[in-house]
Amino acid sequence: MEAVPAMALSLILGYSLGAIPTGALVARAHGVDLTTHGSRRTGATNVLRTLGPRAAMLVFAGDFAKGVAAVLVARMLSDGAPWPQVVANAAAVLGHSFSPFLGWRGGRGVVTAMGGLAVLWPQAALLSVIFGSMTVAATRYVSLGSMIGALAGGLSLIAFAVSAGQGPAYLAYGLLVPLFLVLSHRDNIERILSGTERKLGEKA
């Protein structure tokens, strides 16, 4: 498929996959409207606080799979060209965060971005998980771990891409997607600074 149609189709399919409201569907199966509980987000962290670890694991897997599927579909459509793949995952993150099925609300997109990064550049995804997990273990702030993990993944992707002589697609992704993920945590940053952010294990 030619570059422009592949990009456009990757954008549409990526957004459509990301917009599937995994967390809201799991919560609805438990008789809960997740948009009225806790942070009112539909990601795995709010599910953990609201419904417990089993439901959170299911949501995590679903959100991760959306990112993986978006990149794999784009890869098949474009014969492995990088731009459609990074566009597809970025679109999936936007779809997850602004789902039309939830009135343009959703989660913060970290897990969906991680799923796509695991396909785009597995080493960068691994470093993202390591740094994010270390931050959560040290501070018990999942939000801070998510931001540190996103930044570590983005910087790692840029470093790997530059060292491998890859094109600008990975550089753009490594800059823009982590920036979006950090900005999506603006309210968490305010609560961390004020000392009111919930820590891991605290119920909604």
C-alpha atoms as a PDB file:
ATOM      1  CA  MET A   1       0.000   0.000   0.000  1.00  0.00           C
ATOM      2  CA  GLU A   2       1.221   3.491  -0.852  1.00  0.00           C
ATOM      3  CA  ALA A   3       2.443   5.766   1.929  1.00  0.00           C
ATOM      4  CA  VAL A   4      -0.430   8.250   2.196  1.00  0.00           C
ATOM      5  CA  PRO A   5      -3.290   5.698   2.145  1.00  0.00           C
ATOM      6  CA  ALA A   6      -1.356   3.528   4.621  1.00  0.00           C
ATOM      7  CA  MET A   7      -0.882   6.491   6.953  1.00  0.00           C
ATOM      8  CA  ALA A   8      -4.545   7.475   6.758  1.00  0.00           C
ATOM      9  CA  LEU A   9      -5.787   3.942   7.317  1.00  0.00           C
ATOM     10  CA  SER A  10      -3.326   3.418  10.172  1.00  0.00           C
ATOM     11  CA  LEU A  11      -4.579   6.611  11.801  1.00  0.00           C
ATOM     12  CA  ILE A  12      -8.222   5.574  11.531  1.00  0.00           C
ATOM     13  CA  LEU A  13      -7.703   1.981  12.630  1.00  0.00           C
ATOM     14  CA  GLY A  14      -5.353   2.984  15.445  1.00  0.00           C
ATOM     15  CA  TYR A  15      -7.830   5.483  16.834  1.00  0.00           C
ATOM     16  CA  SER A  16     -10.704   3.011  16.489  1.00  0.00           C
ATOM     17  CA  LEU A  17      -8.823   0.303  18.368  1.00  0.00           C
ATOM     18  CA  GLY A  18      -7.725   2.712  21.077  1.00  0.00           C
ATOM     19  CA  ALA A  19     -11.259   4.028  21.525  1.00  0.00           C
ATOM     20  CA  ILE A  20     -12.560   0.618  22.650  1.00  0.00           C
ATOM     21  CA  PRO A  21     -13.337   1.423  26.318  1.00  0.00           C
ATOM     22  CA  THR A  22     -11.823  -1.665  27.931  1.00  0.00           C
ATOM     23  CA  GLY A  23     -11.950  -0.341  31.488  1.00  0.00           C
ATOM     24  CA  ALA A  24     -15.505   0.947  31.163  1.00  0.00           C
ATOM     25  CA  LEU A  25     -16.699  -2.376  29.736  1.00  0.00           C
ATOM     26  CA  VAL A  26     -15.077  -4.405  32.514  1.00  0.00           C
ATOM     27  CA  ALA A  27     -16.482  -2.055  35.155  1.00  0.00           C
ATOM     28  CA  ARG A  28     -19.932  -2.180  33.570  1.00  0.00           C
ATOM     29  CA  ALA A  29     -19.839  -5.972  33.825  1.00  0.00           C
ATOM     30  CA  HIS A  30     -19.425  -5.416  37.585  1.00  0.00           C
ATOM     31  CA  GLY A  31     -22.306  -2.951  37.649  1.00  0.00           C
ATOM     32  CA  VAL A  32     -20.013   0.072  38.074  1.00  0.00           C
ATOM     33  CA  ASP A  33     -19.804   3.270  36.050  1.00  0.00           C
ATOM     34  CA  LEU A  34     -16.081   3.926  36.231  1.00  0.00           C
ATOM     35  CA  THR A  35     -16.467   7.544  35.091  1.00  0.00           C
ATOM     36  CA  THR A  36     -18.134   8.347  38.421  1.00  0.00           C
ATOM     37  CA  HIS A  37     -15.604   6.631  40.695  1.00  0.00           C
ATOM     38  CA  GLY A  38     -12.130   7.566  41.898  1.00  0.00           C
ATOM     39  CA  SER A  39     -10.223   9.558  39.291  1.00  0.00           C
ATOM     40  CA  ARG A  40     -13.116   9.015  36.850  1.00  0.00           C
ATOM     41  CA  ARG A  41     -10.585   7.598  34.410  1.00  0.00           C
ATOM     42  CA  THR A  42     -11.012   4.201  32.768  1.00  0.00           C
ATOM     43  CA  GLY A  43      -7.450   2.939  33.038  1.00  0.00           C
ATOM     44  CA  ALA A  44      -6.146  -0.003  35.023  1.00  0.00           C
ATOM     45  CA  THR A  45      -5.101   2.102  38.039  1.00  0.00           C
ATOM     46  CA  ASN A  46      -8.610   3.395  38.698  1.00  0.00           C
ATOM     47  CA  VAL A  47      -9.989  -0.097  38.096  1.00  0.00           C
ATOM     48  CA  LEU A  48      -7.523  -1.459  40.668  1.00  0.00           C
ATOM     49  CA  ARG A  49      -8.681   1.033  43.272  1.00  0.00           C
ATOM     50  CA  THR A  50     -12.356   0.593  42.448  1.00  0.00           C
ATOM     51  CA  LEU A  51     -12.749  -3.093  41.572  1.00  0.00           C
ATOM     52  CA  GLY A  52      -9.560  -4.836  42.685  1.00  0.00           C
ATOM     53  CA  PRO A  53      -6.550  -6.579  41.099  1.00  0.00           C
ATOM     54  CA  ARG A  54      -8.327  -9.179  38.952  1.00  0.00           C
ATOM     55  CA  ALA A  55     -10.377  -6.612  37.091  1.00  0.00           C
ATOM     56  CA  ALA A  56      -7.325  -4.341  36.835  1.00  0.00           C
ATOM     57  CA  MET A  57      -5.239  -7.120  35.274  1.00  0.00           C
ATOM     58  CA  LEU A  58      -7.941  -7.728  32.673  1.00  0.00           C
ATOM     59  CA  VAL A  59      -8.110  -4.028  31.811  1.00  0.00           C
ATOM     60  CA  PHE A  60      -4.311  -3.776  31.677  1.00  0.00           C
ATOM     61  CA  ALA A  61      -4.183  -6.686  29.228  1.00  0.00           C
ATOM     62  CA  GLY A  62      -6.907  -5.193  27.055  1.00  0.00           C
ATOM     63  CA  ASP A  63      -5.360  -1.719  26.955  1.00  0.00           C
ATOM     64  CA  PHE A  64      -1.920  -3.181  26.211  1.00  0.00           C
ATOM     65  CA  ALA A  65      -3.375  -5.301  23.417  1.00  0.00           C
ATOM     66  CA  LYS A  66      -4.912  -2.226  21.774  1.00  0.00           C
ATOM     67  CA  GLY A  67      -1.474  -0.675  21.358  1.00  0.00           C
ATOM     68  CA  VAL A  68       0.040  -3.932  20.105  1.00  0.00           C
ATOM     69  CA  ALA A  69      -2.765  -4.489  17.588  1.00  0.00           C
ATOM     70  CA  ALA A  70      -2.611  -0.928  16.265  1.00  0.00           C
ATOM     71  CA  VAL A  71       1.086  -1.167  15.446  1.00  0.00           C
ATOM     72  CA  LEU A  72       0.898  -4.693  14.028  1.00  0.00           C
ATOM     73  CA  VAL A  73      -1.986  -3.777  11.715  1.00  0.00           C
ATOM     74  CA  ALA A  74      -0.127  -0.667  10.532  1.00  0.00           C
ATOM     75  CA  ARG A  75       3.000  -2.752   9.975  1.00  0.00           C
ATOM     76  CA  MET A  76       1.096  -5.151   7.729  1.00  0.00           C
ATOM     77  CA  LEU A  77      -0.578  -2.319   5.819  1.00  0.00           C
ATOM     78  CA  SER A  78       2.676  -0.445   5.193  1.00  0.00           C
ATOM     79  CA  ASP A  79       5.141  -3.322   4.674  1.00  0.00           C
ATOM     80  CA  GLY A  80       6.994  -2.281   7.816  1.00  0.00           C
ATOM     81  CA  ALA A  81       7.338   1.464   7.133  1.00  0.00           C
ATOM     82  CA  PRO A  82       7.891   3.298  10.440  1.00  0.00           C
ATOM     83  CA  TRP A  83       5.608   6.341  10.046  1.00  0.00           C
ATOM     84  CA  PRO A  84       2.308   4.423   9.764  1.00  0.00           C
ATOM     85  CA  GLN A  85       3.285   2.358  12.810  1.00  0.00           C
ATOM     86  CA  VAL A  86       4.058   5.315  15.050  1.00  0.00           C
ATOM     87  CA  VAL A  87       0.984   7.161  13.793  1.00  0.00           C
ATOM     88  CA  ALA A  88      -1.175   4.120  14.558  1.00  0.00           C
ATOM     89  CA  ASN A  89       0.057   3.868  18.131  1.00  0.00           C
ATOM     90  CA  ALA A  90      -0.191   7.598  18.739  1.00  0.00           C
ATOM     91  CA  ALA A  91      -3.749   7.467  17.394  1.00  0.00           C
ATOM     92  CA  ALA A  92      -4.536   4.509  19.664  1.00  0.00           C
ATOM     93  CA  VAL A  93      -3.345   6.530  22.665  1.00  0.00           C
ATOM     94  CA  LEU A  94      -5.586   9.421  21.625  1.00  0.00           C
ATOM     95  CA  GLY A  95      -8.520   7.057  21.092  1.00  0.00           C
ATOM     96  CA  HIS A  96      -8.011   5.575  24.537  1.00  0.00           C
ATOM     97  CA  SER A  97      -7.842   9.019  26.139  1.00  0.00           C
ATOM     98  CA  PHE A  98     -10.697  10.568  24.135  1.00  0.00           C
ATOM     99  CA  SER A  99     -13.121   7.767  23.379  1.00  0.00           C
ATOM    100  CA  PRO A 100     -16.332   8.747  21.551  1.00  0.00           C
ATOM    101  CA  PHE A 101     -18.052   5.911  23.416  1.00  0.00           C
ATOM    102  CA  LEU A 102     -17.437   7.723  26.719  1.00  0.00           C
ATOM    103  CA  GLY A 103     -18.234  11.277  25.722  1.00  0.00           C
ATOM    104  CA  TRP A 104     -14.613  11.936  24.671  1.00  0.00           C
ATOM    105  CA  ARG A 105     -13.241  10.752  27.997  1.00  0.00           C
ATOM    106  CA  GLY A 106     -11.110   7.722  28.851  1.00  0.00           C
ATOM    107  CA  GLY A 107      -7.804   6.787  30.434  1.00  0.00           C
ATOM    108  CA  ARG A 108      -4.419   8.434  30.271  1.00  0.00           C
ATOM    109  CA  GLY A 109      -3.023   6.138  27.565  1.00  0.00           C
ATOM    110  CA  VAL A 110       0.134   4.869  29.277  1.00  0.00           C
ATOM    111  CA  VAL A 111      -0.559   1.145  28.924  1.00  0.00           C
ATOM    112  CA  THR A 112      -1.759   1.485  25.324  1.00  0.00           C
ATOM    113  CA  ALA A 113       1.403   3.427  24.475  1.00  0.00           C
ATOM    114  CA  MET A 114       3.479   0.736  26.177  1.00  0.00           C
ATOM    115  CA  GLY A 115       1.837  -1.969  24.091  1.00  0.00           C
ATOM    116  CA  GLY A 116       2.697  -0.150  20.893  1.00  0.00           C
ATOM    117  CA  LEU A 117       6.244   0.578  22.043  1.00  0.00           C
ATOM    118  CA  ALA A 118       6.736  -3.123  22.794  1.00  0.00           C
ATOM    119  CA  VAL A 119       6.225  -3.773  19.087  1.00  0.00           C
ATOM    120  CA  LEU A 120       8.019  -0.688  17.778  1.00  0.00           C
ATOM    121  CA  TRP A 121      11.167  -1.162  19.878  1.00  0.00           C
ATOM    122  CA  PRO A 122      11.027  -3.833  22.619  1.00  0.00           C
ATOM    123  CA  GLN A 123      14.239  -2.671  24.336  1.00  0.00           C
ATOM    124  CA  ALA A 124      12.793   0.803  24.870  1.00  0.00           C
ATOM    125  CA  ALA A 125       9.591  -0.716  26.252  1.00  0.00           C
ATOM    126  CA  LEU A 126      11.612  -2.844  28.667  1.00  0.00           C
ATOM    127  CA  LEU A 127      13.522   0.184  29.969  1.00  0.00           C
ATOM    128  CA  SER A 128      10.217   2.027  30.330  1.00  0.00           C
ATOM    129  CA  VAL A 129       8.853  -0.780  32.506  1.00  0.00           C
ATOM    130  CA  ILE A 130      12.042  -0.975  34.586  1.00  0.00           C
ATOM    131  CA  PHE A 131      12.224   2.743  35.348  1.00  0.00           C
ATOM    132  CA  GLY A 132       8.483   3.026  35.897  1.00  0.00           C
ATOM    133  CA  SER A 133       8.407   0.038  38.242  1.00  0.00           C
ATOM    134  CA  MET A 134      11.389   1.296  40.217  1.00  0.00           C
ATOM    135  CA  THR A 135       9.669   4.649  40.674  1.00  0.00           C
ATOM    136  CA  VAL A 136       6.435   3.041  41.867  1.00  0.00           C
ATOM    137  CA  ALA A 137       8.370   0.786  44.253  1.00  0.00           C
ATOM    138  CA  ALA A 138      10.257   3.764  45.695  1.00  0.00           C
ATOM    139  CA  THR A 139       7.356   6.218  45.970  1.00  0.00           C
ATOM    140  CA  ARG A 140       4.140   4.128  45.732  1.00  0.00           C
ATOM    141  CA  TYR A 141       2.854   6.742  43.279  1.00  0.00           C
ATOM    142  CA  VAL A 142       1.566   4.920  40.198  1.00  0.00           C
ATOM    143  CA  SER A 143       1.087   8.215  38.388  1.00  0.00           C
ATOM    144  CA  LEU A 144       4.711   9.245  38.948  1.00  0.00           C
ATOM    145  CA  GLY A 145       5.904   5.809  37.841  1.00  0.00           C
ATOM    146  CA  SER A 146       3.782   6.128  34.703  1.00  0.00           C
ATOM    147  CA  MET A 147       5.309   9.486  33.841  1.00  0.00           C
ATOM    148  CA  ILE A 148       8.884   8.396  34.546  1.00  0.00           C
ATOM    149  CA  GLY A 149       8.320   5.206  32.578  1.00  0.00           C
ATOM    150  CA  ALA A 150       6.894   7.136  29.632  1.00  0.00           C
ATOM    151  CA  LEU A 151       9.829   9.548  29.597  1.00  0.00           C
ATOM    152  CA  ALA A 152      12.353   6.715  29.948  1.00  0.00           C
ATOM    153  CA  GLY A 153      10.720   4.836  27.082  1.00  0.00           C
ATOM    154  CA  GLY A 154      10.699   7.903  24.864  1.00  0.00           C
ATOM    155  CA  LEU A 155      14.316   8.835  25.561  1.00  0.00           C
ATOM    156  CA  SER A 156      15.413   5.220  25.095  1.00  0.00           C
ATOM    157  CA  LEU A 157      13.594   5.026  21.774  1.00  0.00           C
ATOM    158  CA  ILE A 158      15.323   8.194  20.599  1.00  0.00           C
ATOM    159  CA  ALA A 159      18.728   6.877  21.693  1.00  0.00           C
ATOM    160  CA  PHE A 160      18.218   3.494  20.020  1.00  0.00           C
ATOM    161  CA  ALA A 161      16.887   5.091  16.829  1.00  0.00           C
ATOM    162  CA  VAL A 162      19.796   7.517  16.566  1.00  0.00           C
ATOM    163  CA  SER A 163      22.369   4.804  17.219  1.00  0.00           C
ATOM    164  CA  ALA A 164      20.744   2.585  14.593  1.00  0.00           C
ATOM    165  CA  GLY A 165      20.536   5.390  12.037  1.00  0.00           C
ATOM    166  CA  GLN A 166      16.755   5.223  11.855  1.00  0.00           C
ATOM    167  CA  GLY A 167      14.547   7.941  10.401  1.00  0.00           C
ATOM    168  CA  PRO A 168      12.633  10.748  12.107  1.00  0.00           C
ATOM    169  CA  ALA A 169       9.469   8.736  12.804  1.00  0.00           C
ATOM    170  CA  TYR A 170      10.863   7.199  15.976  1.00  0.00           C
ATOM    171  CA  LEU A 171      12.330  10.530  17.073  1.00  0.00           C
ATOM    172  CA  ALA A 172       8.930  12.216  16.702  1.00  0.00           C
ATOM    173  CA  TYR A 173       7.229   9.434  18.609  1.00  0.00           C
ATOM    174  CA  GLY A 174       9.851   9.483  21.365  1.00  0.00           C
ATOM    175  CA  LEU A 175       9.286  13.205  21.889  1.00  0.00           C
ATOM    176  CA  LEU A 176       5.570  13.723  21.359  1.00  0.00           C
ATOM    177  CA  VAL A 177       3.887  10.673  22.883  1.00  0.00           C
ATOM    178  CA  PRO A 178       5.719  10.877  26.259  1.00  0.00           C
ATOM    179  CA  LEU A 179       4.980  14.614  26.339  1.00  0.00           C
ATOM    180  CA  PHE A 180       1.275  13.896  25.832  1.00  0.00           C
ATOM    181  CA  LEU A 181       1.330  11.230  28.544  1.00  0.00           C
ATOM    182  CA  VAL A 182       2.960  13.592  31.041  1.00  0.00           C
ATOM    183  CA  LEU A 183       0.474  16.348  30.206  1.00  0.00           C
ATOM    184  CA  SER A 184      -2.392  13.902  30.711  1.00  0.00           C
ATOM    185  CA  HIS A 185      -1.190  13.591  34.325  1.00  0.00           C
ATOM    186  CA  ARG A 186      -1.458  17.316  35.095  1.00  0.00           C
ATOM    187  CA  ASP A 187      -3.955  16.738  37.891  1.00  0.00           C
ATOM    188  CA  ASN A 188      -1.735  14.030  39.380  1.00  0.00           C
ATOM    189  CA  ILE A 189       1.251  16.367  39.344  1.00  0.00           C
ATOM    190  CA  GLU A 190      -0.768  18.971  41.244  1.00  0.00           C
ATOM    191  CA  ARG A 191      -1.820  16.379  43.837  1.00  0.00           C
ATOM    192  CA  ILE A 192       1.718  15.036  44.239  1.00  0.00           C
ATOM    193  CA  LEU A 193       2.989  18.552  44.885  1.00  0.00           C
ATOM    194  CA  SER A 194       0.196  19.200  47.402  1.00  0.00           C
ATOM    195  CA  GLY A 195       0.625  15.808  49.109  1.00  0.00           C
ATOM    196  CA  THR A 196      -2.900  14.603  48.310  1.00  0.00           C
ATOM    197  CA  GLU A 197      -2.135  12.044  45.591  1.00  0.00           C
ATOM    198  CA  ARG A 198      -3.314   8.511  46.411  1.00  0.00           C
ATOM    199  CA  LYS A 199      -0.579   5.914  46.769  1.00  0.00           C
ATOM    200  CA  LEU A 200      -0.589   2.340  45.535  1.00  0.00           C
ATOM    201  CA  GLY A 201      -2.962   0.241  47.633  1.00  0.00           C
ATOM    202  CA  GLU A 202      -5.245   3.094  48.665  1.00  0.00           C
ATOM    203  CA  LYS A 203      -8.872   2.622  47.673  1.00  0.00           C
ATOM    204  CA  ALA A 204     -10.801   5.119  45.604  1.00  0.00           C
END
